[in-house]
Amino acid sequence: MGLSKTPVALPTMISPLGKACARMDLTAVQDILLKTGYKEEEGADNELSFQEWTQQVRDMLNTKKFGDIAFRDKDFKNAIYYYSKLVAMMSVPSGTVFVRRVISYLIIGQPELALRDAMQAQVWLP
């Protein structure tokens, strides 16, 4: 009957993050991550004294803050430094921290390290 058997592509809705990834626009990805912030990520229970716990939390929050400031200011080497320090401090890793470190590694030209972190991010943020 002359009908074509070529598959028809159905339109799909792609998020702004998906569009930025498709364009390989790392600057747009970074901007989206800054606007999105952190989703609540639950941590594991620790058996620390209140004083130890509050100091540990304070250290983690300060480290996260310094990493976020460096990421916002596009100081990606320092962002990697602080996010790496934060990952070592956390009892349960943060997928969001890994994602931010991925973008930082990609922007400074270290795709192997970015891939490693991307795989970790998938574990914590499937």
C-alpha atoms as a PDB file:
ATOM      1  CA  MET A   1       0.000   0.000   0.000  1.00  0.00           C
ATOM      2  CA  GLY A   2       3.018   2.254  -0.023  1.00  0.00           C
ATOM      3  CA  LEU A   3       3.125   2.775   3.754  1.00  0.00           C
ATOM      4  CA  SER A   4       6.507   3.502   5.215  1.00  0.00           C
ATOM      5  CA  LYS A   5       7.763   1.214   7.973  1.00  0.00           C
ATOM      6  CA  THR A   6      10.069   3.781   9.517  1.00  0.00           C
ATOM      7  CA  PRO A   7       9.523   4.221  13.236  1.00  0.00           C
ATOM      8  CA  VAL A   8       7.877   7.408  14.354  1.00  0.00           C
ATOM      9  CA  ALA A   9       9.680   9.346  17.083  1.00  0.00           C
ATOM     10  CA  LEU A  10       7.267  10.395  19.778  1.00  0.00           C
ATOM     11  CA  PRO A  11       7.903  13.788  21.356  1.00  0.00           C
ATOM     12  CA  THR A  12       9.271  13.563  24.862  1.00  0.00           C
ATOM     13  CA  MET A  13       9.458  16.149  27.571  1.00  0.00           C
ATOM     14  CA  ILE A  14      13.062  16.885  28.440  1.00  0.00           C
ATOM     15  CA  SER A  15      13.892  18.756  31.607  1.00  0.00           C
ATOM     16  CA  PRO A  16      16.101  21.850  31.484  1.00  0.00           C
ATOM     17  CA  LEU A  17      18.870  19.726  33.016  1.00  0.00           C
ATOM     18  CA  GLY A  18      18.386  17.104  30.302  1.00  0.00           C
ATOM     19  CA  LYS A  19      18.567  19.785  27.600  1.00  0.00           C
ATOM     20  CA  ALA A  20      21.746  21.241  29.096  1.00  0.00           C
ATOM     21  CA  CYS A  21      23.294  17.763  29.242  1.00  0.00           C
ATOM     22  CA  ALA A  22      22.290  17.065  25.633  1.00  0.00           C
ATOM     23  CA  ARG A  23      23.989  20.307  24.572  1.00  0.00           C
ATOM     24  CA  MET A  24      26.983  19.420  26.805  1.00  0.00           C
ATOM     25  CA  ASP A  25      26.631  22.905  28.294  1.00  0.00           C
ATOM     26  CA  LEU A  26      28.476  22.542  31.599  1.00  0.00           C
ATOM     27  CA  THR A  27      27.861  26.161  32.546  1.00  0.00           C
ATOM     28  CA  ALA A  28      24.092  25.660  32.228  1.00  0.00           C
ATOM     29  CA  VAL A  29      24.332  22.428  34.247  1.00  0.00           C
ATOM     30  CA  GLN A  30      26.218  24.281  36.982  1.00  0.00           C
ATOM     31  CA  ASP A  31      23.594  27.052  37.019  1.00  0.00           C
ATOM     32  CA  ILE A  32      20.780  24.489  37.329  1.00  0.00           C
ATOM     33  CA  LEU A  33      22.579  22.744  40.193  1.00  0.00           C
ATOM     34  CA  LEU A  34      23.008  26.073  41.971  1.00  0.00           C
ATOM     35  CA  LYS A  35      19.309  26.862  41.598  1.00  0.00           C
ATOM     36  CA  THR A  36      18.225  23.360  42.629  1.00  0.00           C
ATOM     37  CA  GLY A  37      20.322  23.237  45.775  1.00  0.00           C
ATOM     38  CA  TYR A  38      20.260  20.099  47.897  1.00  0.00           C
ATOM     39  CA  LYS A  39      17.339  17.799  48.363  1.00  0.00           C
ATOM     40  CA  GLU A  40      17.006  16.372  51.812  1.00  0.00           C
ATOM     41  CA  GLU A  41      19.511  13.598  52.106  1.00  0.00           C
ATOM     42  CA  GLU A  42      19.243  11.481  55.190  1.00  0.00           C
ATOM     43  CA  GLY A  43      22.328  10.674  57.177  1.00  0.00           C
ATOM     44  CA  ALA A  44      23.057   7.633  59.285  1.00  0.00           C
ATOM     45  CA  ASP A  45      22.690   7.718  63.044  1.00  0.00           C
ATOM     46  CA  ASN A  46      25.916   8.301  64.932  1.00  0.00           C
ATOM     47  CA  GLU A  47      26.646   7.423  68.520  1.00  0.00           C
ATOM     48  CA  LEU A  48      28.485  10.562  69.536  1.00  0.00           C
ATOM     49  CA  SER A  49      28.183  12.789  72.544  1.00  0.00           C
ATOM     50  CA  PHE A  50      26.147  15.907  71.964  1.00  0.00           C
ATOM     51  CA  GLN A  51      29.258  18.090  72.041  1.00  0.00           C
ATOM     52  CA  GLU A  52      31.141  15.834  69.601  1.00  0.00           C
ATOM     53  CA  TRP A  53      28.077  15.622  67.382  1.00  0.00           C
ATOM     54  CA  THR A  54      27.546  19.382  67.273  1.00  0.00           C
ATOM     55  CA  GLN A  55      31.231  19.999  66.474  1.00  0.00           C
ATOM     56  CA  GLN A  56      31.158  17.360  63.732  1.00  0.00           C
ATOM     57  CA  VAL A  57      27.988  18.842  62.257  1.00  0.00           C
ATOM     58  CA  ARG A  58      29.460  22.338  62.456  1.00  0.00           C
ATOM     59  CA  ASP A  59      32.632  21.181  60.657  1.00  0.00           C
ATOM     60  CA  MET A  60      30.581  19.442  57.955  1.00  0.00           C
ATOM     61  CA  LEU A  61      28.317  22.464  57.445  1.00  0.00           C
ATOM     62  CA  ASN A  62      31.299  24.807  57.179  1.00  0.00           C
ATOM     63  CA  THR A  63      33.042  22.497  54.716  1.00  0.00           C
ATOM     64  CA  LYS A  64      29.852  22.219  52.642  1.00  0.00           C
ATOM     65  CA  LYS A  65      29.430  26.008  52.769  1.00  0.00           C
ATOM     66  CA  PHE A  66      32.994  26.599  51.540  1.00  0.00           C
ATOM     67  CA  GLY A  67      32.499  24.048  48.747  1.00  0.00           C
ATOM     68  CA  ASP A  68      29.211  25.658  47.724  1.00  0.00           C
ATOM     69  CA  ILE A  69      30.770  29.135  47.703  1.00  0.00           C
ATOM     70  CA  ALA A  70      33.665  27.926  45.552  1.00  0.00           C
ATOM     71  CA  PHE A  71      31.210  26.124  43.204  1.00  0.00           C
ATOM     72  CA  ARG A  72      29.036  29.244  42.933  1.00  0.00           C
ATOM     73  CA  ASP A  73      32.074  31.411  42.241  1.00  0.00           C
ATOM     74  CA  LYS A  74      33.319  28.938  39.591  1.00  0.00           C
ATOM     75  CA  ASP A  75      36.447  28.203  41.629  1.00  0.00           C
ATOM     76  CA  PHE A  76      36.225  24.550  40.714  1.00  0.00           C
ATOM     77  CA  LYS A  77      39.578  23.414  42.130  1.00  0.00           C
ATOM     78  CA  ASN A  78      38.597  24.646  45.593  1.00  0.00           C
ATOM     79  CA  ALA A  79      35.089  23.238  45.153  1.00  0.00           C
ATOM     80  CA  ILE A  80      36.670  19.825  44.507  1.00  0.00           C
ATOM     81  CA  TYR A  81      38.910  20.262  47.542  1.00  0.00           C
ATOM     82  CA  TYR A  82      36.061  21.085  49.915  1.00  0.00           C
ATOM     83  CA  TYR A  83      33.610  18.550  48.459  1.00  0.00           C
ATOM     84  CA  SER A  84      36.302  15.853  48.717  1.00  0.00           C
ATOM     85  CA  LYS A  85      36.899  16.801  52.340  1.00  0.00           C
ATOM     86  CA  LEU A  86      33.129  16.699  52.944  1.00  0.00           C
ATOM     87  CA  VAL A  87      32.765  13.232  51.375  1.00  0.00           C
ATOM     88  CA  ALA A  88      35.462  11.946  53.728  1.00  0.00           C
ATOM     89  CA  MET A  89      33.614  13.427  56.733  1.00  0.00           C
ATOM     90  CA  MET A  90      30.140  12.098  55.933  1.00  0.00           C
ATOM     91  CA  SER A  91      28.909   8.782  57.268  1.00  0.00           C
ATOM     92  CA  VAL A  92      26.439   8.561  54.371  1.00  0.00           C
ATOM     93  CA  PRO A  93      27.685  10.161  51.155  1.00  0.00           C
ATOM     94  CA  SER A  94      25.654  12.881  49.481  1.00  0.00           C
ATOM     95  CA  GLY A  95      24.707  12.267  45.870  1.00  0.00           C
ATOM     96  CA  THR A  96      24.387  16.005  45.365  1.00  0.00           C
ATOM     97  CA  VAL A  97      27.964  16.584  46.506  1.00  0.00           C
ATOM     98  CA  PHE A  98      29.150  13.940  44.036  1.00  0.00           C
ATOM     99  CA  VAL A  99      27.163  15.595  41.219  1.00  0.00           C
ATOM    100  CA  ARG A 100      28.656  18.998  41.997  1.00  0.00           C
ATOM    101  CA  ARG A 101      32.119  17.449  42.072  1.00  0.00           C
ATOM    102  CA  VAL A 102      31.398  15.766  38.706  1.00  0.00           C
ATOM    103  CA  ILE A 103      30.661  19.127  37.093  1.00  0.00           C
ATOM    104  CA  SER A 104      33.757  20.629  38.700  1.00  0.00           C
ATOM    105  CA  TYR A 105      35.967  17.794  37.410  1.00  0.00           C
ATOM    106  CA  LEU A 106      34.493  18.113  33.910  1.00  0.00           C
ATOM    107  CA  ILE A 107      35.022  21.862  33.790  1.00  0.00           C
ATOM    108  CA  ILE A 108      38.680  21.580  34.786  1.00  0.00           C
ATOM    109  CA  GLY A 109      39.242  18.772  32.269  1.00  0.00           C
ATOM    110  CA  GLN A 110      39.384  15.634  34.427  1.00  0.00           C
ATOM    111  CA  PRO A 111      36.750  13.361  32.828  1.00  0.00           C
ATOM    112  CA  GLU A 112      38.048  10.139  34.422  1.00  0.00           C
ATOM    113  CA  LEU A 113      37.506  11.501  37.918  1.00  0.00           C
ATOM    114  CA  ALA A 114      34.145  12.909  36.836  1.00  0.00           C
ATOM    115  CA  LEU A 115      33.068   9.461  35.633  1.00  0.00           C
ATOM    116  CA  ARG A 116      34.081   7.888  38.939  1.00  0.00           C
ATOM    117  CA  ASP A 117      31.995  10.427  40.851  1.00  0.00           C
ATOM    118  CA  ALA A 118      29.093  10.115  38.412  1.00  0.00           C
ATOM    119  CA  MET A 119      28.918   6.402  39.193  1.00  0.00           C
ATOM    120  CA  GLN A 120      28.927   7.199  42.925  1.00  0.00           C
ATOM    121  CA  ALA A 121      26.198   9.795  42.434  1.00  0.00           C
ATOM    122  CA  GLN A 122      24.035   7.179  40.722  1.00  0.00           C
ATOM    123  CA  VAL A 123      24.382   4.916  43.738  1.00  0.00           C
ATOM    124  CA  TRP A 124      23.197   7.622  46.126  1.00  0.00           C
ATOM    125  CA  LEU A 125      20.728   9.379  43.803  1.00  0.00           C
ATOM    126  CA  PRO A 126      19.285   6.673  41.539  1.00  0.00           C
END
